[in-house]
C-alpha atoms as a PDB file:
ATOM      1  CA  MET A   1      -4.139  -5.293  -0.544  1.00  0.00           C
ATOM      2  CA  LYS A   2      -2.287  -8.550  -0.069  1.00  0.00           C
ATOM      3  CA  ARG A   3      -5.616 -10.429  -0.137  1.00  0.00           C
ATOM      4  CA  LEU A   4      -6.727  -8.657  -3.302  1.00  0.00           C
ATOM      5  CA  ALA A   5      -3.431  -8.987  -5.190  1.00  0.00           C
ATOM      6  CA  LYS A   6      -2.381 -12.164  -6.961  1.00  0.00           C
ATOM      7  CA  MET A   7       1.162 -11.045  -6.231  1.00  0.00           C
ATOM      8  CA  ILE A   8       3.114  -8.059  -4.869  1.00  0.00           C
ATOM      9  CA  ILE A   9       6.572  -7.679  -6.382  1.00  0.00           C
ATOM     10  CA  THR A  10       9.278  -5.359  -5.096  1.00  0.00           C
ATOM     11  CA  GLY A  11      11.614  -4.330  -7.901  1.00  0.00           C
ATOM     12  CA  LYS A  12      15.367  -4.776  -8.026  1.00  0.00           C
ATOM     13  CA  THR A  13      18.250  -3.151  -9.889  1.00  0.00           C
ATOM     14  CA  PRO A  14      20.548  -5.476 -11.835  1.00  0.00           C
ATOM     15  CA  SER A  15      24.241  -4.854 -11.279  1.00  0.00           C
ATOM     16  CA  THR A  16      25.357  -1.693 -13.043  1.00  0.00           C
ATOM     17  CA  LYS A  17      28.888  -3.137 -13.136  1.00  0.00           C
ATOM     18  CA  VAL A  18      27.719  -5.639 -15.748  1.00  0.00           C
ATOM     19  CA  LYS A  19      27.232  -3.520 -18.879  1.00  0.00           C
ATOM     20  CA  GLU A  20      25.389  -6.372 -20.622  1.00  0.00           C
ATOM     21  CA  ASN A  21      22.491  -5.943 -18.144  1.00  0.00           C
ATOM     22  CA  TYR A  22      21.443  -2.721 -19.860  1.00  0.00           C
ATOM     23  CA  GLY A  23      20.221  -2.208 -23.398  1.00  0.00           C
ATOM     24  CA  THR A  24      16.992  -1.452 -25.243  1.00  0.00           C
ATOM     25  CA  ASP A  25      14.712  -4.440 -24.623  1.00  0.00           C
ATOM     26  CA  ILE A  26      12.751  -4.029 -21.365  1.00  0.00           C
ATOM     27  CA  PRO A  27      11.813  -0.643 -19.849  1.00  0.00           C
ATOM     28  CA  PHE A  28      13.371  -0.276 -16.396  1.00  0.00           C
ATOM     29  CA  VAL A  29      11.005   1.987 -14.452  1.00  0.00           C
ATOM     30  CA  LYS A  30      12.225   4.291 -11.711  1.00  0.00           C
ATOM     31  CA  ILE A  31      10.387   6.970  -9.732  1.00  0.00           C
ATOM     32  CA  PRO A  32      11.122   9.839 -12.174  1.00  0.00           C
ATOM     33  CA  ASP A  33       9.446   7.776 -14.923  1.00  0.00           C
ATOM     34  CA  MET A  34       6.235   7.710 -12.856  1.00  0.00           C
ATOM     35  CA  ARG A  35       5.789  11.436 -12.301  1.00  0.00           C
ATOM     36  CA  ASN A  36       2.538  12.714 -13.823  1.00  0.00           C
ATOM     37  CA  LYS A  37       1.949   9.491 -15.743  1.00  0.00           C
ATOM     38  CA  VAL A  38      -1.179   7.361 -15.730  1.00  0.00           C
ATOM     39  CA  PHE A  39       0.337   4.703 -18.025  1.00  0.00           C
ATOM     40  CA  ILE A  40       3.965   3.737 -18.415  1.00  0.00           C
ATOM     41  CA  ASP A  41       5.062   2.170 -21.696  1.00  0.00           C
ATOM     42  CA  GLU A  42       8.659   3.379 -21.749  1.00  0.00           C
ATOM     43  CA  ALA A  43      11.300   4.477 -19.285  1.00  0.00           C
ATOM     44  CA  SER A  44      14.421   6.613 -19.272  1.00  0.00           C
ATOM     45  CA  GLN A  45      16.529   3.453 -18.983  1.00  0.00           C
ATOM     46  CA  ASN A  46      16.103  -0.040 -20.396  1.00  0.00           C
ATOM     47  CA  LEU A  47      17.416  -3.471 -19.563  1.00  0.00           C
ATOM     48  CA  SER A  48      18.721  -5.991 -22.045  1.00  0.00           C
ATOM     49  CA  ILE A  49      17.009  -9.366 -22.189  1.00  0.00           C
ATOM     50  CA  PHE A  50      20.149 -10.705 -20.469  1.00  0.00           C
ATOM     51  CA  GLY A  51      19.787  -8.200 -17.593  1.00  0.00           C
ATOM     52  CA  ALA A  52      16.044  -8.688 -17.233  1.00  0.00           C
ATOM     53  CA  ASN A  53      16.391 -12.469 -17.269  1.00  0.00           C
ATOM     54  CA  SER A  54      19.002 -12.250 -14.513  1.00  0.00           C
ATOM     55  CA  GLN A  55      16.007 -11.461 -12.286  1.00  0.00           C
ATOM     56  CA  LYS A  56      13.166 -13.332 -13.993  1.00  0.00           C
ATOM     57  CA  ASN A  57      10.845 -13.027 -10.999  1.00  0.00           C
ATOM     58  CA  LYS A  58      10.879  -9.216 -11.323  1.00  0.00           C
ATOM     59  CA  TYR A  59       8.972  -8.940 -14.610  1.00  0.00           C
ATOM     60  CA  ILE A  60       5.847  -6.806 -14.222  1.00  0.00           C
ATOM     61  CA  PRO A  61       3.148  -7.634 -16.777  1.00  0.00           C
ATOM     62  CA  GLU A  62       0.990  -5.051 -18.522  1.00  0.00           C
ATOM     63  CA  ASN A  63      -2.174  -4.100 -16.665  1.00  0.00           C
ATOM     64  CA  SER A  64      -0.367  -4.047 -13.337  1.00  0.00           C
ATOM     65  CA  ILE A  65      -0.224  -1.162 -10.881  1.00  0.00           C
ATOM     66  CA  ILE A  66       3.061   0.211  -9.607  1.00  0.00           C
ATOM     67  CA  VAL A  67       3.420   2.311  -6.450  1.00  0.00           C
ATOM     68  CA  SER A  68       6.507   4.156  -5.278  1.00  0.00           C
ATOM     69  CA  CYS A  69       7.316   3.197  -1.681  1.00  0.00           C
ATOM     70  CA  ILE A  70      10.821   4.563  -0.999  1.00  0.00           C
ATOM     71  CA  GLY A  71      12.012   8.143  -1.273  1.00  0.00           C
ATOM     72  CA  THR A  72       8.782   9.583  -2.695  1.00  0.00           C
ATOM     73  CA  PRO A  73       6.064   7.175  -1.565  1.00  0.00           C
ATOM     74  CA  GLY A  74       2.619   7.427  -3.063  1.00  0.00           C
ATOM     75  CA  LEU A  75       3.171   7.819  -6.797  1.00  0.00           C
ATOM     76  CA  VAL A  76       0.851   5.419  -8.640  1.00  0.00           C
ATOM     77  CA  SER A  77       0.912   4.370 -12.318  1.00  0.00           C
ATOM     78  CA  LEU A  78      -0.488   1.662 -14.558  1.00  0.00           C
ATOM     79  CA  ILE A  79       1.806  -0.492 -16.681  1.00  0.00           C
ATOM     80  CA  GLY A  80       1.038  -0.514 -20.403  1.00  0.00           C
ATOM     81  CA  ARG A  81       3.608  -3.169 -21.371  1.00  0.00           C
ATOM     82  CA  THR A  82       5.928  -5.615 -19.629  1.00  0.00           C
ATOM     83  CA  VAL A  83       8.554  -3.795 -17.552  1.00  0.00           C
ATOM     84  CA  GLN A  84      10.835  -4.212 -14.573  1.00  0.00           C
ATOM     85  CA  THR A  85      11.199  -1.684 -11.755  1.00  0.00           C
ATOM     86  CA  ASN A  86      13.839  -0.725  -9.256  1.00  0.00           C
ATOM     87  CA  GLN A  87      13.626  -1.494  -5.539  1.00  0.00           C
ATOM     88  CA  GLN A  88      11.816   1.772  -4.727  1.00  0.00           C
ATOM     89  CA  ILE A  89       8.652   0.468  -6.373  1.00  0.00           C
ATOM     90  CA  ASN A  90       6.135  -2.206  -5.379  1.00  0.00           C
ATOM     91  CA  SER A  91       3.959  -3.692  -8.104  1.00  0.00           C
ATOM     92  CA  LEU A  92       0.496  -5.170  -7.754  1.00  0.00           C
ATOM     93  CA  ILE A  93      -0.533  -7.995 -10.064  1.00  0.00           C
ATOM     94  CA  LEU A  94      -4.344  -8.117  -9.930  1.00  0.00           C
ATOM     95  CA  ASP A  95      -7.283  -9.724 -11.648  1.00  0.00           C
ATOM     96  CA  ASN A  96      -8.204  -7.375 -14.501  1.00  0.00           C
ATOM     97  CA  LYS A  97     -11.570  -6.581 -12.914  1.00  0.00           C
ATOM     98  CA  TYR A  98      -9.826  -4.852  -9.980  1.00  0.00           C
ATOM     99  CA  ILE A  99      -7.257  -2.772 -11.882  1.00  0.00           C
ATOM    100  CA  TYR A 100      -9.060   0.522 -12.397  1.00  0.00           C
ATOM    101  CA  CYS A 101     -10.868   0.746  -9.059  1.00  0.00           C
ATOM    102  CA  THR A 102      -7.645  -0.175  -7.213  1.00  0.00           C
ATOM    103  CA  TYR A 103      -5.646   2.353  -9.221  1.00  0.00           C
ATOM    104  CA  LEU A 104      -8.100   5.132  -8.348  1.00  0.00           C
ATOM    105  CA  GLU A 105      -8.256   4.065  -4.704  1.00  0.00           C
ATOM    106  CA  LEU A 106      -4.442   4.087  -4.435  1.00  0.00           C
ATOM    107  CA  LYS A 107      -4.297   7.519  -6.097  1.00  0.00           C
ATOM    108  CA  SER A 108      -6.697   8.786  -3.432  1.00  0.00           C
ATOM    109  CA  LEU A 109      -4.463   7.293  -0.706  1.00  0.00           C
ATOM    110  CA  LYS A 110      -1.301   9.109  -1.868  1.00  0.00           C
ATOM    111  CA  TYR A 111      -0.805  11.007   1.394  1.00  0.00           C
ATOM    112  CA  LYS A 112      -1.680   8.009   3.554  1.00  0.00           C
ATOM    113  CA  ILE A 113       0.939   5.950   1.684  1.00  0.00           C
ATOM    114  CA  ARG A 114       3.434   8.772   2.141  1.00  0.00           C
ATOM    115  CA  ASN A 115       2.751   8.921   5.872  1.00  0.00           C
ATOM    116  CA  LEU A 116       3.025   5.148   6.286  1.00  0.00           C
ATOM    117  CA  GLY A 117       6.671   5.280   5.218  1.00  0.00           C
ATOM    118  CA  SER A 118       8.787   4.950   8.361  1.00  0.00           C
ATOM    119  CA  GLY A 119      10.001   8.410   9.196  1.00  0.00           C
ATOM    120  CA  GLY A 120      13.134   8.020  11.339  1.00  0.00           C
ATOM    121  CA  THR A 121      15.223   9.316   8.440  1.00  0.00           C
ATOM    122  CA  THR A 122      14.877  11.885   5.721  1.00  0.00           C
ATOM    123  CA  ILE A 123      14.064   9.101   3.230  1.00  0.00           C
ATOM    124  CA  LYS A 124      10.572   7.657   3.586  1.00  0.00           C
ATOM    125  CA  ASN A 125      10.413   3.871   3.273  1.00  0.00           C
ATOM    126  CA  LEU A 126       7.221   1.831   3.122  1.00  0.00           C
ATOM    127  CA  ASN A 127       8.259  -1.830   3.273  1.00  0.00           C
ATOM    128  CA  LYS A 128       6.517  -4.584   1.317  1.00  0.00           C
ATOM    129  CA  THR A 129       4.724  -6.016   4.368  1.00  0.00           C
ATOM    130  CA  ASP A 130       3.269  -2.671   5.443  1.00  0.00           C
ATOM    131  CA  PHE A 131       2.408  -1.910   1.815  1.00  0.00           C
ATOM    132  CA  GLY A 132       0.536  -5.219   1.542  1.00  0.00           C
ATOM    133  CA  ASN A 133      -1.379  -4.413   4.728  1.00  0.00           C
ATOM    134  CA  ILE A 134      -2.854  -1.173   3.393  1.00  0.00           C
ATOM    135  CA  ARG A 135      -6.627  -1.423   3.527  1.00  0.00           C
ATOM    136  CA  ILE A 136      -8.382  -0.375   0.354  1.00  0.00           C
ATOM    137  CA  THR A 137     -12.015  -0.260  -0.654  1.00  0.00           C
ATOM    138  CA  VAL A 138     -13.236  -1.881  -3.848  1.00  0.00           C
ATOM    139  CA  PRO A 139     -16.818  -2.358  -5.039  1.00  0.00           C
ATOM    140  CA  ASN A 140     -18.156  -5.719  -3.880  1.00  0.00           C
ATOM    141  CA  LYS A 141     -21.909  -5.637  -4.395  1.00  0.00           C
ATOM    142  CA  ASP A 142     -23.451  -7.700  -7.179  1.00  0.00           C
ATOM    143  CA  GLY A 143     -22.803  -6.023 -10.486  1.00  0.00           C
ATOM    144  CA  GLN A 144     -21.306  -2.872  -8.943  1.00  0.00           C
ATOM    145  CA  LEU A 145     -17.763  -3.680 -10.087  1.00  0.00           C
ATOM    146  CA  ASP A 146     -19.002  -4.697 -13.546  1.00  0.00           C
ATOM    147  CA  ARG A 147     -20.920  -1.420 -13.929  1.00  0.00           C
ATOM    148  CA  PHE A 148     -17.873   0.556 -12.800  1.00  0.00           C
ATOM    149  CA  ASN A 149     -15.610  -1.256 -15.282  1.00  0.00           C
ATOM    150  CA  ARG A 150     -18.037  -0.718 -18.185  1.00  0.00           C
ATOM    151  CA  ILE A 151     -17.589   3.022 -17.616  1.00  0.00           C
ATOM    152  CA  ALA A 152     -13.933   3.133 -16.512  1.00  0.00           C
ATOM    153  CA  LYS A 153     -12.310   0.691 -18.948  1.00  0.00           C
ATOM    154  CA  PRO A 154     -13.009   2.673 -22.159  1.00  0.00           C
ATOM    155  CA  ILE A 155     -11.807   5.873 -20.468  1.00  0.00           C
ATOM    156  CA  PHE A 156      -8.547   4.276 -19.344  1.00  0.00           C
ATOM    157  CA  GLU A 157      -8.063   2.611 -22.738  1.00  0.00           C
ATOM    158  CA  LYS A 158      -8.418   6.032 -24.412  1.00  0.00           C
ATOM    159  CA  ILE A 159      -5.913   7.548 -21.961  1.00  0.00           C
ATOM    160  CA  HIS A 160      -3.479   4.765 -22.834  1.00  0.00           C
ATOM    161  CA  VAL A 161      -3.948   5.163 -26.600  1.00  0.00           C
ATOM    162  CA  ASN A 162      -3.459   8.937 -26.263  1.00  0.00           C
ATOM    163  CA  ASN A 163      -0.324   8.352 -24.174  1.00  0.00           C
ATOM    164  CA  ILE A 164       1.191   6.106 -26.862  1.00  0.00           C
ATOM    165  CA  GLU A 165       0.291   8.630 -29.571  1.00  0.00           C
ATOM    166  CA  LEU A 166       1.917  11.426 -27.564  1.00  0.00           C
ATOM    167  CA  GLN A 167       5.110   9.395 -27.177  1.00  0.00           C
ATOM    168  CA  ASN A 168       5.176   8.777 -30.937  1.00  0.00           C
ATOM    169  CA  LEU A 169       4.618  12.467 -31.699  1.00  0.00           C
ATOM    170  CA  VAL A 170       7.460  13.444 -29.355  1.00  0.00           C
ATOM    171  CA  LYS A 171       9.771  11.049 -31.243  1.00  0.00           C
ATOM    172  CA  VAL A 172       8.712  12.518 -34.598  1.00  0.00           C
ATOM    173  CA  LYS A 173       9.317  16.036 -33.249  1.00  0.00           C
ATOM    174  CA  GLU A 174      12.799  15.061 -32.060  1.00  0.00           C
ATOM    175  CA  VAL A 175      13.651  13.618 -35.481  1.00  0.00           C
ATOM    176  CA  LEU A 176      12.325  16.654 -37.335  1.00  0.00           C
ATOM    177  CA  LEU A 177      13.991  19.197 -35.052  1.00  0.00           C
ATOM    178  CA  GLY A 178      17.188  17.174 -35.034  1.00  0.00           C
ATOM    179  CA  GLN A 179      17.598  18.007 -38.718  1.00  0.00           C
ATOM    180  CA  TYR A 180      17.772  21.725 -37.920  1.00  0.00           C
ATOM    181  CA  PHE A 181      19.876  21.771 -34.757  1.00  0.00           C
END
């Protein structure tokens, strides 16, 4: 993966002792935010611009792939907007043409990723170097990747649009039900 990725970024948690690090500006993704999600556009906790800028090299741009590597290795999600993650997550910044095939390949490697985490303790931990050394298969024949993306991209875009719509509907539901409870 390290040859395919433009960059691999391991997340970091800003100091929780500095209250100004947290706010409403930048989603701060943790493992529970990844469960059963293809795309992540929001998280249970957010950083302020001040907190996010305290670790400027930890911004993860949209259309990146995040993979949990500590605790519960092997969860894989796509990023729908700029986020930051905690240290349990490695993020892959890729050329757009490799996003969907790499995402699907990593999803299929869930148990391999889990098993790669060093197992001397009860907490699995796949370090950044070992994560970067995972071998993955991507289409490489002339036109094969382009044909794959012509099919996959509209499907993933629809999943993302539906995900955003679902989040909006949940917010409307909470507002409406909040009036009665």
